[in-house]
Amino acid sequence: MADCLFCRIVRREIPASIVQEDEQALVFKDISPQAPTHLLIVPKKHLASLADSADGDAALLGRLQLVAARLAKEMRLSSFRLVSNNGKGAGQSVDHLHYHFLAGRPMQWPPG
């Protein structure tokens, strides 16, 4: 999508503090961090939300989870929270599937 914020970051049209990248995903720092470590894990393929994914996206969705696990291992984090908001009512502010990778402070439950 030409006007999607995260697609524009993937295409390097908008600057971001990129932490990691592979052929399917981009990881960058959130501009409004909610924890000492707050990264966004974004698929390079545009999907508006998790609800817009299909069976053919299963490998990509699994890949995003593996990226989170790799980040935790590389950053020597013993715990982290991985969040994907789906829809405006859940707090999704950018219509591009993404996971919030949060760590570095105690997390409360329930989260919302």
C-alpha atoms as a PDB file:
ATOM      1  CA  MET A   1       0.000   0.000   0.000  1.00  0.00           C
ATOM      2  CA  ALA A   2       1.520   3.258  -1.140  1.00  0.00           C
ATOM      3  CA  ASP A   3       0.334   5.378   1.797  1.00  0.00           C
ATOM      4  CA  CYS A   4       0.774   2.824   4.618  1.00  0.00           C
ATOM      5  CA  LEU A   5       3.129   4.187   7.283  1.00  0.00           C
ATOM      6  CA  PHE A   6       4.869   0.876   7.931  1.00  0.00           C
ATOM      7  CA  CYS A   7       5.141   0.045   4.216  1.00  0.00           C
ATOM      8  CA  ARG A   8       6.849   3.404   3.769  1.00  0.00           C
ATOM      9  CA  ILE A   9       9.270   2.556   6.597  1.00  0.00           C
ATOM     10  CA  VAL A  10       9.984  -0.837   4.976  1.00  0.00           C
ATOM     11  CA  ARG A  11      10.730   0.991   1.688  1.00  0.00           C
ATOM     12  CA  ARG A  12      12.968   3.464   3.598  1.00  0.00           C
ATOM     13  CA  GLU A  13      10.805   6.431   2.595  1.00  0.00           C
ATOM     14  CA  ILE A  14      10.394   7.335   6.276  1.00  0.00           C
ATOM     15  CA  PRO A  15      13.290   7.026   8.736  1.00  0.00           C
ATOM     16  CA  ALA A  16      13.150   4.583  11.636  1.00  0.00           C
ATOM     17  CA  SER A  17      15.617   3.215  14.167  1.00  0.00           C
ATOM     18  CA  ILE A  18      15.990  -0.212  12.589  1.00  0.00           C
ATOM     19  CA  VAL A  19      17.207  -2.933  14.919  1.00  0.00           C
ATOM     20  CA  GLN A  20      17.027  -5.980  12.667  1.00  0.00           C
ATOM     21  CA  GLU A  21      15.886  -7.021   9.221  1.00  0.00           C
ATOM     22  CA  ASP A  22      15.523 -10.178   7.202  1.00  0.00           C
ATOM     23  CA  GLU A  23      13.810 -11.039   3.923  1.00  0.00           C
ATOM     24  CA  GLN A  24      10.335 -11.109   5.514  1.00  0.00           C
ATOM     25  CA  ALA A  25      10.416  -8.802   8.518  1.00  0.00           C
ATOM     26  CA  LEU A  26      11.661  -5.476   9.783  1.00  0.00           C
ATOM     27  CA  VAL A  27      12.203  -4.654  13.464  1.00  0.00           C
ATOM     28  CA  PHE A  28      12.441  -1.066  14.623  1.00  0.00           C
ATOM     29  CA  LYS A  29      12.108   0.988  17.800  1.00  0.00           C
ATOM     30  CA  ASP A  30       8.658   2.312  18.691  1.00  0.00           C
ATOM     31  CA  ILE A  31       8.586   6.128  18.636  1.00  0.00           C
ATOM     32  CA  SER A  32       6.432   6.171  21.783  1.00  0.00           C
ATOM     33  CA  PRO A  33       7.925   3.416  23.957  1.00  0.00           C
ATOM     34  CA  GLN A  34       5.781   1.883  26.674  1.00  0.00           C
ATOM     35  CA  ALA A  35       8.648  -0.121  28.185  1.00  0.00           C
ATOM     36  CA  PRO A  36      12.450   0.190  28.354  1.00  0.00           C
ATOM     37  CA  THR A  37      12.562  -2.163  25.362  1.00  0.00           C
ATOM     38  CA  HIS A  38       9.708  -1.494  22.927  1.00  0.00           C
ATOM     39  CA  LEU A  39      10.240  -2.712  19.397  1.00  0.00           C
ATOM     40  CA  LEU A  40       7.839  -3.221  16.507  1.00  0.00           C
ATOM     41  CA  ILE A  41       8.080  -6.403  14.458  1.00  0.00           C
ATOM     42  CA  VAL A  42       6.545  -5.743  11.055  1.00  0.00           C
ATOM     43  CA  PRO A  43       6.110  -8.080   8.092  1.00  0.00           C
ATOM     44  CA  LYS A  44       7.398  -6.597   4.861  1.00  0.00           C
ATOM     45  CA  LYS A  45       4.276  -7.906   3.162  1.00  0.00           C
ATOM     46  CA  HIS A  46       1.333  -5.602   3.766  1.00  0.00           C
ATOM     47  CA  LEU A  47      -1.429  -7.143   5.849  1.00  0.00           C
ATOM     48  CA  ALA A  48      -3.816  -4.654   7.439  1.00  0.00           C
ATOM     49  CA  SER A  49      -4.207  -6.764  10.584  1.00  0.00           C
ATOM     50  CA  LEU A  50      -3.992 -10.273  11.929  1.00  0.00           C
ATOM     51  CA  ALA A  51      -7.677 -10.708  11.031  1.00  0.00           C
ATOM     52  CA  ASP A  52      -6.766 -10.015   7.396  1.00  0.00           C
ATOM     53  CA  SER A  53      -4.274 -12.885   7.235  1.00  0.00           C
ATOM     54  CA  ALA A  54      -5.085 -16.124   5.439  1.00  0.00           C
ATOM     55  CA  ASP A  55      -3.901 -19.727   5.453  1.00  0.00           C
ATOM     56  CA  GLY A  56      -1.199 -18.753   2.971  1.00  0.00           C
ATOM     57  CA  ASP A  57       0.281 -16.380   5.551  1.00  0.00           C
ATOM     58  CA  ALA A  58       0.922 -19.102   8.142  1.00  0.00           C
ATOM     59  CA  ALA A  59       4.666 -19.298   7.467  1.00  0.00           C
ATOM     60  CA  LEU A  60       5.007 -15.512   7.636  1.00  0.00           C
ATOM     61  CA  LEU A  61       3.083 -15.336  10.916  1.00  0.00           C
ATOM     62  CA  GLY A  62       5.287 -18.061  12.373  1.00  0.00           C
ATOM     63  CA  ARG A  63       8.364 -16.230  11.130  1.00  0.00           C
ATOM     64  CA  LEU A  64       7.346 -13.084  13.031  1.00  0.00           C
ATOM     65  CA  GLN A  65       7.101 -15.100  16.242  1.00  0.00           C
ATOM     66  CA  LEU A  66      10.527 -16.619  15.618  1.00  0.00           C
ATOM     67  CA  VAL A  67      11.933 -13.114  15.097  1.00  0.00           C
ATOM     68  CA  ALA A  68      10.623 -12.212  18.562  1.00  0.00           C
ATOM     69  CA  ALA A  69      12.226 -15.303  20.093  1.00  0.00           C
ATOM     70  CA  ARG A  70      15.536 -14.519  18.374  1.00  0.00           C
ATOM     71  CA  LEU A  71      15.421 -10.907  19.606  1.00  0.00           C
ATOM     72  CA  ALA A  72      14.881 -12.065  23.188  1.00  0.00           C
ATOM     73  CA  LYS A  73      17.771 -14.492  22.953  1.00  0.00           C
ATOM     74  CA  GLU A  74      20.119 -11.930  21.381  1.00  0.00           C
ATOM     75  CA  MET A  75      19.134  -9.273  23.939  1.00  0.00           C
ATOM     76  CA  ARG A  76      19.439 -11.808  26.801  1.00  0.00           C
ATOM     77  CA  LEU A  77      15.898 -11.115  27.946  1.00  0.00           C
ATOM     78  CA  SER A  78      14.430 -13.751  30.229  1.00  0.00           C
ATOM     79  CA  SER A  79      10.900 -12.436  29.702  1.00  0.00           C
ATOM     80  CA  PHE A  80       9.037 -10.266  27.237  1.00  0.00           C
ATOM     81  CA  ARG A  81       5.521  -9.536  26.053  1.00  0.00           C
ATOM     82  CA  LEU A  82       4.431  -9.831  22.425  1.00  0.00           C
ATOM     83  CA  VAL A  83       1.228  -7.944  21.561  1.00  0.00           C
ATOM     84  CA  SER A  84      -0.752  -7.528  18.361  1.00  0.00           C
ATOM     85  CA  ASN A  85      -3.718  -5.171  18.507  1.00  0.00           C
ATOM     86  CA  ASN A  86      -6.426  -5.991  15.985  1.00  0.00           C
ATOM     87  CA  GLY A  87      -8.761  -3.153  15.021  1.00  0.00           C
ATOM     88  CA  LYS A  88      -9.340   0.335  16.375  1.00  0.00           C
ATOM     89  CA  GLY A  89     -11.259  -0.933  19.431  1.00  0.00           C
ATOM     90  CA  ALA A  90      -8.202  -2.948  20.483  1.00  0.00           C
ATOM     91  CA  GLY A  91      -5.854   0.005  20.041  1.00  0.00           C
ATOM     92  CA  GLN A  92      -4.499  -0.641  16.542  1.00  0.00           C
ATOM     93  CA  SER A  93      -3.384   2.754  15.245  1.00  0.00           C
ATOM     94  CA  VAL A  94      -1.551   1.694  12.067  1.00  0.00           C
ATOM     95  CA  ASP A  95      -3.386  -0.523   9.598  1.00  0.00           C
ATOM     96  CA  HIS A  96      -0.433  -2.841   8.999  1.00  0.00           C
ATOM     97  CA  LEU A  97       0.001  -6.009  11.045  1.00  0.00           C
ATOM     98  CA  HIS A  98       2.676  -5.551  13.677  1.00  0.00           C
ATOM     99  CA  TYR A  99       3.754  -6.993  16.979  1.00  0.00           C
ATOM    100  CA  HIS A 100       4.826  -4.894  19.932  1.00  0.00           C
ATOM    101  CA  PHE A 101       7.838  -6.500  21.601  1.00  0.00           C
ATOM    102  CA  LEU A 102       7.930  -5.178  25.175  1.00  0.00           C
ATOM    103  CA  ALA A 103      10.495  -5.944  27.863  1.00  0.00           C
ATOM    104  CA  GLY A 104      12.573  -4.439  30.627  1.00  0.00           C
ATOM    105  CA  ARG A 105       9.875  -3.824  33.229  1.00  0.00           C
ATOM    106  CA  PRO A 106       7.300  -5.886  35.113  1.00  0.00           C
ATOM    107  CA  MET A 107       4.151  -6.436  33.045  1.00  0.00           C
ATOM    108  CA  GLN A 108       0.721  -6.289  34.625  1.00  0.00           C
ATOM    109  CA  TRP A 109      -2.232  -8.589  33.982  1.00  0.00           C
ATOM    110  CA  PRO A 110      -4.765  -8.015  32.653  1.00  0.00           C
ATOM    111  CA  PRO A 111      -2.962  -5.750  30.177  1.00  0.00           C
ATOM    112  CA  GLY A 112      -5.887  -3.558  29.110  1.00  0.00           C
END
